Amino acid sequence: MTDTQQIITLNQDNFDSTISQGVTLVDFYADWCGPCRMLTPVLEEIVKVMAGKLRVGKVDIDANQKIAGTFSVTSVPTMILFKDGKEVNRLVGLRDLDGLKQFVSTVI
């Protein structure tokens, strides 16, 4: 399994079940967004560093406008940290690995 396969592609069908238990970092992104593309390697790295403690998922806001609207996502990238299905923290904008680890460590 490659590291990118560990990042879950989220959509209307699997979003609620994926975030319902444990800690999940969800990246709301768009294909046309440069900073979103720059964030992908950071997310791949956080998957490795936080293995077993954190799930990481991605929501394409263009393909999943209902989910983005539910969480009032108006800028990308937006990362929302969920614990047992509830939003516990949010970051907007590109972050490096250290910044993302610090963000996630508020819950883990």
C-alpha atoms as a PDB file:
ATOM      1  CA  MET A   1       0.000   0.000   0.000  1.00  0.00           C
ATOM      2  CA  THR A   2       1.365   3.394  -0.921  1.00  0.00           C
ATOM      3  CA  ASP A   3       1.139   6.360   1.395  1.00  0.00           C
ATOM      4  CA  THR A   4      -1.369   8.158  -0.833  1.00  0.00           C
ATOM      5  CA  GLN A   5      -3.728   5.175  -0.568  1.00  0.00           C
ATOM      6  CA  GLN A   6      -3.895   5.848   3.165  1.00  0.00           C
ATOM      7  CA  ILE A   7      -5.515   9.214   2.501  1.00  0.00           C
ATOM      8  CA  ILE A   8      -9.223   8.507   2.178  1.00  0.00           C
ATOM      9  CA  THR A   9     -11.184  10.143  -0.620  1.00  0.00           C
ATOM     10  CA  LEU A  10     -14.341  11.348   1.071  1.00  0.00           C
ATOM     11  CA  ASN A  11     -17.744  11.947  -0.487  1.00  0.00           C
ATOM     12  CA  GLN A  12     -21.406  12.046   0.502  1.00  0.00           C
ATOM     13  CA  ASP A  13     -21.511   8.239   0.824  1.00  0.00           C
ATOM     14  CA  ASN A  14     -18.604   7.729   3.229  1.00  0.00           C
ATOM     15  CA  PHE A  15     -18.049  11.072   4.989  1.00  0.00           C
ATOM     16  CA  ASP A  16     -20.164  10.546   8.122  1.00  0.00           C
ATOM     17  CA  SER A  17     -19.051   6.959   8.700  1.00  0.00           C
ATOM     18  CA  THR A  18     -15.382   7.884   8.264  1.00  0.00           C
ATOM     19  CA  ILE A  19     -15.371  10.733  10.790  1.00  0.00           C
ATOM     20  CA  SER A  20     -17.738   9.067  13.285  1.00  0.00           C
ATOM     21  CA  GLN A  21     -15.060   7.384  15.428  1.00  0.00           C
ATOM     22  CA  GLY A  22     -11.583   8.404  16.482  1.00  0.00           C
ATOM     23  CA  VAL A  23      -9.632  11.380  15.195  1.00  0.00           C
ATOM     24  CA  THR A  24      -9.884  12.351  11.529  1.00  0.00           C
ATOM     25  CA  LEU A  25      -8.189  15.243   9.745  1.00  0.00           C
ATOM     26  CA  VAL A  26     -10.227  16.286   6.710  1.00  0.00           C
ATOM     27  CA  ASP A  27      -8.668  18.428   3.988  1.00  0.00           C
ATOM     28  CA  PHE A  28     -11.217  20.395   1.961  1.00  0.00           C
ATOM     29  CA  TYR A  29      -9.512  21.141  -1.371  1.00  0.00           C
ATOM     30  CA  ALA A  30     -10.015  21.925  -5.044  1.00  0.00           C
ATOM     31  CA  ASP A  31      -8.030  20.597  -8.006  1.00  0.00           C
ATOM     32  CA  TRP A  32      -7.484  24.150  -9.300  1.00  0.00           C
ATOM     33  CA  CYS A  33      -5.983  25.329  -5.982  1.00  0.00           C
ATOM     34  CA  GLY A  34      -2.171  25.640  -5.991  1.00  0.00           C
ATOM     35  CA  PRO A  35      -1.749  25.659  -2.189  1.00  0.00           C
ATOM     36  CA  CYS A  36      -3.993  22.576  -2.026  1.00  0.00           C
ATOM     37  CA  ARG A  37      -1.621  20.700  -4.338  1.00  0.00           C
ATOM     38  CA  MET A  38       1.339  21.844  -2.222  1.00  0.00           C
ATOM     39  CA  LEU A  39      -0.399  20.475   0.895  1.00  0.00           C
ATOM     40  CA  THR A  40      -0.737  16.924  -0.466  1.00  0.00           C
ATOM     41  CA  PRO A  41       2.871  15.836   0.329  1.00  0.00           C
ATOM     42  CA  VAL A  42       2.467  17.249   3.849  1.00  0.00           C
ATOM     43  CA  LEU A  43      -0.695  15.182   4.323  1.00  0.00           C
ATOM     44  CA  GLU A  44       1.087  12.088   3.000  1.00  0.00           C
ATOM     45  CA  GLU A  45       3.821  12.686   5.586  1.00  0.00           C
ATOM     46  CA  ILE A  46       1.402  13.230   8.494  1.00  0.00           C
ATOM     47  CA  VAL A  47      -0.247   9.898   7.616  1.00  0.00           C
ATOM     48  CA  LYS A  48       3.120   8.199   8.168  1.00  0.00           C
ATOM     49  CA  VAL A  49       4.076  10.171  11.291  1.00  0.00           C
ATOM     50  CA  MET A  50       0.688   9.725  13.005  1.00  0.00           C
ATOM     51  CA  ALA A  51      -0.014   6.164  11.840  1.00  0.00           C
ATOM     52  CA  GLY A  52      -2.547   4.459  14.075  1.00  0.00           C
ATOM     53  CA  LYS A  53      -3.530   7.711  15.808  1.00  0.00           C
ATOM     54  CA  LEU A  54      -5.155   9.641  13.000  1.00  0.00           C
ATOM     55  CA  ARG A  55      -7.099   9.125   9.782  1.00  0.00           C
ATOM     56  CA  VAL A  56      -6.688  11.635   6.965  1.00  0.00           C
ATOM     57  CA  GLY A  57      -9.361  12.289   4.377  1.00  0.00           C
ATOM     58  CA  LYS A  58      -9.808  14.674   1.460  1.00  0.00           C
ATOM     59  CA  VAL A  59     -13.013  16.307   0.222  1.00  0.00           C
ATOM     60  CA  ASP A  60     -13.090  17.847  -3.256  1.00  0.00           C
ATOM     61  CA  ILE A  61     -15.282  20.902  -2.657  1.00  0.00           C
ATOM     62  CA  ASP A  62     -16.321  21.123  -6.317  1.00  0.00           C
ATOM     63  CA  ALA A  63     -17.590  17.532  -6.406  1.00  0.00           C
ATOM     64  CA  ASN A  64     -18.999  17.621  -2.849  1.00  0.00           C
ATOM     65  CA  GLN A  65     -20.541  21.057  -2.467  1.00  0.00           C
ATOM     66  CA  LYS A  66     -23.107  19.830   0.062  1.00  0.00           C
ATOM     67  CA  ILE A  67     -20.415  18.647   2.507  1.00  0.00           C
ATOM     68  CA  ALA A  68     -18.417  21.858   2.028  1.00  0.00           C
ATOM     69  CA  GLY A  69     -21.558  23.898   2.650  1.00  0.00           C
ATOM     70  CA  THR A  70     -22.466  21.931   5.767  1.00  0.00           C
ATOM     71  CA  PHE A  71     -19.137  22.939   7.315  1.00  0.00           C
ATOM     72  CA  SER A  72     -19.145  26.487   5.876  1.00  0.00           C
ATOM     73  CA  VAL A  73     -15.934  25.934   3.925  1.00  0.00           C
ATOM     74  CA  THR A  74     -15.394  29.112   1.910  1.00  0.00           C
ATOM     75  CA  SER A  75     -11.610  28.993   1.375  1.00  0.00           C
ATOM     76  CA  VAL A  76      -9.276  26.196   0.370  1.00  0.00           C
ATOM     77  CA  PRO A  77      -7.346  24.520   1.682  1.00  0.00           C
ATOM     78  CA  THR A  78      -9.356  24.224   4.879  1.00  0.00           C
ATOM     79  CA  MET A  79      -8.483  21.430   7.289  1.00  0.00           C
ATOM     80  CA  ILE A  80     -11.005  20.388   9.902  1.00  0.00           C
ATOM     81  CA  LEU A  81     -10.082  18.098  12.764  1.00  0.00           C
ATOM     82  CA  PHE A  82     -12.887  15.804  13.899  1.00  0.00           C
ATOM     83  CA  LYS A  83     -13.038  13.671  17.022  1.00  0.00           C
ATOM     84  CA  ASP A  84     -15.808  11.086  17.201  1.00  0.00           C
ATOM     85  CA  GLY A  85     -17.781  12.918  14.521  1.00  0.00           C
ATOM     86  CA  LYS A  86     -17.580  16.399  16.028  1.00  0.00           C
ATOM     87  CA  GLU A  87     -15.489  19.305  14.755  1.00  0.00           C
ATOM     88  CA  VAL A  88     -12.854  20.215  17.348  1.00  0.00           C
ATOM     89  CA  ASN A  89     -10.540  22.535  15.423  1.00  0.00           C
ATOM     90  CA  ARG A  90     -10.022  24.162  12.030  1.00  0.00           C
ATOM     91  CA  LEU A  91      -7.138  25.580   9.988  1.00  0.00           C
ATOM     92  CA  VAL A  92      -7.356  27.602   6.793  1.00  0.00           C
ATOM     93  CA  GLY A  93      -4.369  27.836   4.470  1.00  0.00           C
ATOM     94  CA  LEU A  94      -1.195  25.952   3.701  1.00  0.00           C
ATOM     95  CA  ARG A  95       0.804  24.558   6.632  1.00  0.00           C
ATOM     96  CA  ASP A  96       4.096  22.703   6.895  1.00  0.00           C
ATOM     97  CA  LEU A  97       4.503  19.344   8.632  1.00  0.00           C
ATOM     98  CA  ASP A  98       5.448  20.863  11.996  1.00  0.00           C
ATOM     99  CA  GLY A  99       2.459  23.197  11.918  1.00  0.00           C
ATOM    100  CA  LEU A 100       0.141  20.331  11.054  1.00  0.00           C
ATOM    101  CA  LYS A 101       1.581  18.072  13.766  1.00  0.00           C
ATOM    102  CA  GLN A 102       1.072  20.833  16.318  1.00  0.00           C
ATOM    103  CA  PHE A 103      -2.523  21.335  15.122  1.00  0.00           C
ATOM    104  CA  VAL A 104      -3.310  17.613  15.381  1.00  0.00           C
ATOM    105  CA  SER A 105      -1.605  17.231  18.748  1.00  0.00           C
ATOM    106  CA  THR A 106      -4.278  19.446  20.342  1.00  0.00           C
ATOM    107  CA  VAL A 107      -6.594  16.431  20.155  1.00  0.00           C
ATOM    108  CA  ILE A 108      -4.297  13.398  20.242  1.00  0.00           C
END
